[in-house]
Amino acid sequence: MPRKNNPRSYEEAVAALQDILKQVENNELGIDLLAEKLKEAKMLIGYCKEKLYQTNQEIQKILDAEEK
C-alpha cells in the first residue's frame, strides 16, 4: 500500500513505521524497495520526533501558565 509523503497524524506515522518494520523483519522487501522503505522510515521518524517536540512545547506552556 503506497504511503503519502506526509502522514495525517502521529498515530498514522507510527502505524506506517510498524508496517515497514514488519516487512523488513519478514524479509518481504527486495533490495530496491528496501532502500525506498528506509527513506520513508527516516521521513516518518523525523515527523514523529517533530510532533513529539511540538506536543512537549505545548504541554510545557500549559503547565507554565498554571503555575502563574
PDB file of N, CA and C in Angstrom:
ATOM      1  N   MET A   1       0.846  -1.177   0.000  1.00  0.00           N
ATOM      2  CA  MET A   1       0.000   0.000   0.000  1.00  0.00           C
ATOM      3  C   MET A   1       0.889   1.238   0.000  1.00  0.00           C
ATOM      4  N   PRO A   2       0.784   2.109  -0.991  1.00  0.00           N
ATOM      5  CA  PRO A   2       1.631   3.292  -1.038  1.00  0.00           C
ATOM      6  C   PRO A   2       1.277   4.267   0.070  1.00  0.00           C
ATOM      7  N   ARG A   3       2.279   4.936   0.569  1.00  0.00           N
ATOM      8  CA  ARG A   3       2.104   5.905   1.645  1.00  0.00           C
ATOM      9  C   ARG A   3       2.168   7.317   1.079  1.00  0.00           C
ATOM     10  N   LYS A   4       1.510   8.214   1.766  1.00  0.00           N
ATOM     11  CA  LYS A   4       1.612   9.622   1.411  1.00  0.00           C
ATOM     12  C   LYS A   4       2.919  10.149   1.969  1.00  0.00           C
ATOM     13  N   ASN A   5       3.413  11.243   1.399  1.00  0.00           N
ATOM     14  CA  ASN A   5       4.651  11.828   1.891  1.00  0.00           C
ATOM     15  C   ASN A   5       4.505  12.336   3.314  1.00  0.00           C
ATOM     16  N   ASN A   6       3.343  12.866   3.652  1.00  0.00           N
ATOM     17  CA  ASN A   6       3.125  13.393   4.988  1.00  0.00           C
ATOM     18  C   ASN A   6       1.954  12.680   5.643  1.00  0.00           C
ATOM     19  N   PRO A   7       2.223  12.020   6.769  1.00  0.00           N
ATOM     20  CA  PRO A   7       1.117  11.380   7.474  1.00  0.00           C
ATOM     21  C   PRO A   7       0.173  12.429   8.046  1.00  0.00           C
ATOM     22  N   ARG A   8      -1.065  12.043   8.258  1.00  0.00           N
ATOM     23  CA  ARG A   8      -2.058  12.965   8.799  1.00  0.00           C
ATOM     24  C   ARG A   8      -1.967  13.084  10.310  1.00  0.00           C
ATOM     25  N   SER A   9      -1.358  12.099  10.962  1.00  0.00           N
ATOM     26  CA  SER A   9      -1.271  12.137  12.417  1.00  0.00           C
ATOM     27  C   SER A   9      -0.049  11.345  12.880  1.00  0.00           C
ATOM     28  N   TYR A  10       0.287  11.570  14.143  1.00  0.00           N
ATOM     29  CA  TYR A  10       1.375  10.823  14.775  1.00  0.00           C
ATOM     30  C   TYR A  10       1.064   9.327  14.730  1.00  0.00           C
ATOM     31  N   GLU A  11      -0.177   8.984  15.040  1.00  0.00           N
ATOM     32  CA  GLU A  11      -0.575   7.586  15.065  1.00  0.00           C
ATOM     33  C   GLU A  11      -0.439   6.933  13.695  1.00  0.00           C
ATOM     34  N   GLU A  12      -0.779   7.670  12.650  1.00  0.00           N
ATOM     35  CA  GLU A  12      -0.638   7.149  11.287  1.00  0.00           C
ATOM     36  C   GLU A  12       0.838   6.912  10.962  1.00  0.00           C
ATOM     37  N   ALA A  13       1.693   7.827  11.386  1.00  0.00           N
ATOM     38  CA  ALA A  13       3.122   7.683  11.138  1.00  0.00           C
ATOM     39  C   ALA A  13       3.688   6.466  11.870  1.00  0.00           C
ATOM     40  N   VAL A  14       3.281   6.275  13.117  1.00  0.00           N
ATOM     41  CA  VAL A  14       3.748   5.114  13.892  1.00  0.00           C
ATOM     42  C   VAL A  14       3.268   3.818  13.242  1.00  0.00           C
ATOM     43  N   ALA A  15       2.025   3.795  12.790  1.00  0.00           N
ATOM     44  CA  ALA A  15       1.494   2.601  12.127  1.00  0.00           C
ATOM     45  C   ALA A  15       2.290   2.297  10.854  1.00  0.00           C
ATOM     46  N   ALA A  16       2.635   3.336  10.107  1.00  0.00           N
ATOM     47  CA  ALA A  16       3.427   3.141   8.889  1.00  0.00           C
ATOM     48  C   ALA A  16       4.810   2.607   9.232  1.00  0.00           C
ATOM     49  N   LEU A  17       5.416   3.123  10.298  1.00  0.00           N
ATOM     50  CA  LEU A  17       6.720   2.623  10.729  1.00  0.00           C
ATOM     51  C   LEU A  17       6.636   1.157  11.160  1.00  0.00           C
ATOM     52  N   GLN A  18       5.587   0.809  11.868  1.00  0.00           N
ATOM     53  CA  GLN A  18       5.405  -0.581  12.290  1.00  0.00           C
ATOM     54  C   GLN A  18       5.245  -1.501  11.081  1.00  0.00           C
ATOM     55  N   ASP A  19       4.544  -1.023  10.060  1.00  0.00           N
ATOM     56  CA  ASP A  19       4.348  -1.808   8.841  1.00  0.00           C
ATOM     57  C   ASP A  19       5.691  -2.036   8.137  1.00  0.00           C
ATOM     58  N   ILE A  20       6.484  -0.981   8.044  1.00  0.00           N
ATOM     59  CA  ILE A  20       7.808  -1.104   7.411  1.00  0.00           C
ATOM     60  C   ILE A  20       8.668  -2.077   8.204  1.00  0.00           C
ATOM     61  N   LEU A  21       8.663  -1.958   9.523  1.00  0.00           N
ATOM     62  CA  LEU A  21       9.455  -2.852  10.366  1.00  0.00           C
ATOM     63  C   LEU A  21       9.050  -4.304  10.164  1.00  0.00           C
ATOM     64  N   LYS A  22       7.755  -4.549  10.106  1.00  0.00           N
ATOM     65  CA  LYS A  22       7.254  -5.906   9.890  1.00  0.00           C
ATOM     66  C   LYS A  22       7.751  -6.451   8.546  1.00  0.00           C
ATOM     67  N   GLN A  23       7.696  -5.621   7.512  1.00  0.00           N
ATOM     68  CA  GLN A  23       8.158  -6.056   6.187  1.00  0.00           C
ATOM     69  C   GLN A  23       9.650  -6.380   6.199  1.00  0.00           C
ATOM     70  N   VAL A  24      10.434  -5.560   6.903  1.00  0.00           N
ATOM     71  CA  VAL A  24      11.871  -5.798   6.979  1.00  0.00           C
ATOM     72  C   VAL A  24      12.151  -7.088   7.757  1.00  0.00           C
ATOM     73  N   GLU A  25      11.497  -7.240   8.906  1.00  0.00           N
ATOM     74  CA  GLU A  25      11.709  -8.427   9.729  1.00  0.00           C
ATOM     75  C   GLU A  25      11.314  -9.713   9.013  1.00  0.00           C
ATOM     76  N   ASN A  26      10.314  -9.646   8.165  1.00  0.00           N
ATOM     77  CA  ASN A  26       9.836 -10.831   7.438  1.00  0.00           C
ATOM     78  C   ASN A  26      10.501 -11.006   6.079  1.00  0.00           C
ATOM     79  N   ASN A  27      11.528 -10.205   5.809  1.00  0.00           N
ATOM     80  CA  ASN A  27      12.248 -10.271   4.528  1.00  0.00           C
ATOM     81  C   ASN A  27      11.307 -10.176   3.342  1.00  0.00           C
ATOM     82  N   GLU A  28      10.332  -9.267   3.433  1.00  0.00           N
ATOM     83  CA  GLU A  28       9.345  -9.110   2.371  1.00  0.00           C
ATOM     84  C   GLU A  28       9.765  -8.084   1.310  1.00  0.00           C
ATOM     85  N   LEU A  29      10.895  -7.428   1.505  1.00  0.00           N
ATOM     86  CA  LEU A  29      11.295  -6.350   0.607  1.00  0.00           C
ATOM     87  C   LEU A  29      12.522  -6.733  -0.200  1.00  0.00           C
ATOM     88  N   GLY A  30      12.452  -6.472  -1.505  1.00  0.00           N
ATOM     89  CA  GLY A  30      13.630  -6.624  -2.342  1.00  0.00           C
ATOM     90  C   GLY A  30      14.593  -5.476  -2.065  1.00  0.00           C
ATOM     91  N   ILE A  31      15.776  -5.569  -2.581  1.00  0.00           N
ATOM     92  CA  ILE A  31      16.813  -4.577  -2.288  1.00  0.00           C
ATOM     93  C   ILE A  31      16.419  -3.174  -2.744  1.00  0.00           C
ATOM     94  N   ASP A  32      15.782  -3.062  -3.892  1.00  0.00           N
ATOM     95  CA  ASP A  32      15.375  -1.742  -4.383  1.00  0.00           C
ATOM     96  C   ASP A  32      14.269  -1.150  -3.510  1.00  0.00           C
ATOM     97  N   LEU A  33      13.313  -1.954  -3.162  1.00  0.00           N
ATOM     98  CA  LEU A  33      12.213  -1.492  -2.328  1.00  0.00           C
ATOM     99  C   LEU A  33      12.684  -1.227  -0.899  1.00  0.00           C
ATOM    100  N   LEU A  34      13.670  -1.978  -0.448  1.00  0.00           N
ATOM    101  CA  LEU A  34      14.206  -1.783   0.898  1.00  0.00           C
ATOM    102  C   LEU A  34      14.765  -0.368   1.045  1.00  0.00           C
ATOM    103  N   ALA A  35      15.532   0.079   0.069  1.00  0.00           N
ATOM    104  CA  ALA A  35      16.094   1.431   0.127  1.00  0.00           C
ATOM    105  C   ALA A  35      14.981   2.476   0.156  1.00  0.00           C
ATOM    106  N   GLU A  36      13.954   2.276  -0.647  1.00  0.00           N
ATOM    107  CA  GLU A  36      12.825   3.206  -0.675  1.00  0.00           C
ATOM    108  C   GLU A  36      12.108   3.238   0.679  1.00  0.00           C
ATOM    109  N   LYS A  37      11.878   2.072   1.259  1.00  0.00           N
ATOM    110  CA  LYS A  37      11.185   1.983   2.548  1.00  0.00           C
ATOM    111  C   LYS A  37      12.021   2.586   3.669  1.00  0.00           C
ATOM    112  N   LEU A  38      13.337   2.433   3.602  1.00  0.00           N
ATOM    113  CA  LEU A  38      14.192   3.035   4.625  1.00  0.00           C
ATOM    114  C   LEU A  38      14.161   4.564   4.536  1.00  0.00           C
ATOM    115  N   LYS A  39      14.101   5.094   3.329  1.00  0.00           N
ATOM    116  CA  LYS A  39      13.949   6.547   3.174  1.00  0.00           C
ATOM    117  C   LYS A  39      12.621   7.012   3.756  1.00  0.00           C
ATOM    118  N   GLU A  40      11.572   6.249   3.496  1.00  0.00           N
ATOM    119  CA  GLU A  40      10.256   6.576   4.039  1.00  0.00           C
ATOM    120  C   GLU A  40      10.286   6.520   5.564  1.00  0.00           C
ATOM    121  N   ALA A  41      10.930   5.490   6.105  1.00  0.00           N
ATOM    122  CA  ALA A  41      11.028   5.359   7.565  1.00  0.00           C
ATOM    123  C   ALA A  41      11.771   6.539   8.168  1.00  0.00           C
ATOM    124  N   LYS A  42      12.811   6.975   7.515  1.00  0.00           N
ATOM    125  CA  LYS A  42      13.577   8.131   8.011  1.00  0.00           C
ATOM    126  C   LYS A  42      12.687   9.371   8.063  1.00  0.00           C
ATOM    127  N   MET A  43      11.888   9.586   7.025  1.00  0.00           N
ATOM    128  CA  MET A  43      10.976  10.727   6.996  1.00  0.00           C
ATOM    129  C   MET A  43       9.937  10.606   8.107  1.00  0.00           C
ATOM    130  N   LEU A  44       9.398   9.405   8.290  1.00  0.00           N
ATOM    131  CA  LEU A  44       8.381   9.187   9.319  1.00  0.00           C
ATOM    132  C   LEU A  44       8.944   9.403  10.720  1.00  0.00           C
ATOM    133  N   ILE A  45      10.162   8.959  10.948  1.00  0.00           N
ATOM    134  CA  ILE A  45      10.801   9.168  12.246  1.00  0.00           C
ATOM    135  C   ILE A  45      10.992  10.657  12.503  1.00  0.00           C
ATOM    136  N   GLY A  46      11.427  11.393  11.500  1.00  0.00           N
ATOM    137  CA  GLY A  46      11.563  12.843  11.640  1.00  0.00           C
ATOM    138  C   GLY A  46      10.230  13.498  11.958  1.00  0.00           C
ATOM    139  N   TYR A  47       9.184  13.057  11.283  1.00  0.00           N
ATOM    140  CA  TYR A  47       7.842  13.590  11.533  1.00  0.00           C
ATOM    141  C   TYR A  47       7.433  13.324  12.978  1.00  0.00           C
ATOM    142  N   CYS A  48       7.644  12.097  13.451  1.00  0.00           N
ATOM    143  CA  CYS A  48       7.269  11.735  14.819  1.00  0.00           C
ATOM    144  C   CYS A  48       8.058  12.552  15.838  1.00  0.00           C
ATOM    145  N   LYS A  49       9.342  12.714  15.605  1.00  0.00           N
ATOM    146  CA  LYS A  49      10.164  13.498  16.522  1.00  0.00           C
ATOM    147  C   LYS A  49       9.670  14.937  16.606  1.00  0.00           C
ATOM    148  N   GLU A  50       9.318  15.505  15.462  1.00  0.00           N
ATOM    149  CA  GLU A  50       8.821  16.885  15.438  1.00  0.00           C
ATOM    150  C   GLU A  50       7.482  17.003  16.162  1.00  0.00           C
ATOM    151  N   LYS A  51       6.587  16.037  15.935  1.00  0.00           N
ATOM    152  CA  LYS A  51       5.286  16.057  16.627  1.00  0.00           C
ATOM    153  C   LYS A  51       5.478  15.941  18.142  1.00  0.00           C
ATOM    154  N   LEU A  52       6.378  15.074  18.568  1.00  0.00           N
ATOM    155  CA  LEU A  52       6.638  14.924  19.999  1.00  0.00           C
ATOM    156  C   LEU A  52       7.220  16.207  20.584  1.00  0.00           C
ATOM    157  N   TYR A  53       8.126  16.842  19.860  1.00  0.00           N
ATOM    158  CA  TYR A  53       8.709  18.100  20.311  1.00  0.00           C
ATOM    159  C   TYR A  53       7.636  19.181  20.438  1.00  0.00           C
ATOM    160  N   GLN A  54       6.795  19.308  19.414  1.00  0.00           N
ATOM    161  CA  GLN A  54       5.731  20.313  19.442  1.00  0.00           C
ATOM    162  C   GLN A  54       4.753  20.057  20.583  1.00  0.00           C
ATOM    163  N   THR A  55       4.403  18.805  20.788  1.00  0.00           N
ATOM    164  CA  THR A  55       3.479  18.466  21.866  1.00  0.00           C
ATOM    165  C   THR A  55       4.105  18.784  23.217  1.00  0.00           C
ATOM    166  N   ASN A  56       5.366  18.472  23.373  1.00  0.00           N
ATOM    167  CA  ASN A  56       6.065  18.785  24.608  1.00  0.00           C
ATOM    168  C   ASN A  56       6.070  20.291  24.866  1.00  0.00           C
ATOM    169  N   GLN A  57       6.294  21.073  23.829  1.00  0.00           N
ATOM    170  CA  GLN A  57       6.294  22.533  23.972  1.00  0.00           C
ATOM    171  C   GLN A  57       4.917  23.027  24.401  1.00  0.00           C
ATOM    172  N   GLU A  58       3.870  22.499  23.800  1.00  0.00           N
ATOM    173  CA  GLU A  58       2.506  22.905  24.149  1.00  0.00           C
ATOM    174  C   GLU A  58       2.177  22.538  25.602  1.00  0.00           C
ATOM    175  N   ILE A  59       2.569  21.353  26.004  1.00  0.00           N
ATOM    176  CA  ILE A  59       2.319  20.918  27.381  1.00  0.00           C
ATOM    177  C   ILE A  59       3.071  21.816  28.356  1.00  0.00           C
ATOM    178  N   GLN A  60       4.308  22.128  28.016  1.00  0.00           N
ATOM    179  CA  GLN A  60       5.107  22.990  28.898  1.00  0.00           C
ATOM    180  C   GLN A  60       4.467  24.363  29.046  1.00  0.00           C
ATOM    181  N   LYS A  61       3.938  24.910  27.952  1.00  0.00           N
ATOM    182  CA  LYS A  61       3.250  26.217  28.019  1.00  0.00           C
ATOM    183  C   LYS A  61       2.036  26.143  28.940  1.00  0.00           C
ATOM    184  N   ILE A  62       1.278  25.061  28.838  1.00  0.00           N
ATOM    185  CA  ILE A  62       0.092  24.889  29.686  1.00  0.00           C
ATOM    186  C   ILE A  62       0.505  24.804  31.152  1.00  0.00           C
ATOM    187  N   LEU A  63       1.520  24.011  31.421  1.00  0.00           N
ATOM    188  CA  LEU A  63       1.986  23.866  32.809  1.00  0.00           C
ATOM    189  C   LEU A  63       2.554  25.162  33.347  1.00  0.00           C
ATOM    190  N   ASP A  64       3.264  25.896  32.534  1.00  0.00           N
ATOM    191  CA  ASP A  64       3.825  27.177  32.958  1.00  0.00           C
ATOM    192  C   ASP A  64       2.714  28.178  33.252  1.00  0.00           C
ATOM    193  N   ALA A  65       1.658  28.172  32.441  1.00  0.00           N
ATOM    194  CA  ALA A  65       0.542  29.094  32.639  1.00  0.00           C
ATOM    195  C   ALA A  65      -0.203  28.779  33.940  1.00  0.00           C
ATOM    196  N   GLU A  66      -0.288  27.509  34.291  1.00  0.00           N
ATOM    197  CA  GLU A  66      -0.980  27.107  35.514  1.00  0.00           C
ATOM    198  C   GLU A  66      -0.203  27.535  36.752  1.00  0.00           C
ATOM    199  N   GLU A  67       1.125  27.614  36.656  1.00  0.00           N
ATOM    200  CA  GLU A  67       1.950  27.990  37.799  1.00  0.00           C
ATOM    201  C   GLU A  67       1.861  29.471  38.125  1.00  0.00           C
ATOM    202  N   LYS A  68       1.427  30.283  37.186  1.00  0.00           N
ATOM    203  CA  LYS A  68       1.374  31.738  37.397  1.00  0.00           C
ATOM    204  C   LYS A  68       0.184  32.153  38.201  1.00  0.00           C
TER     205      LYS A  68
END
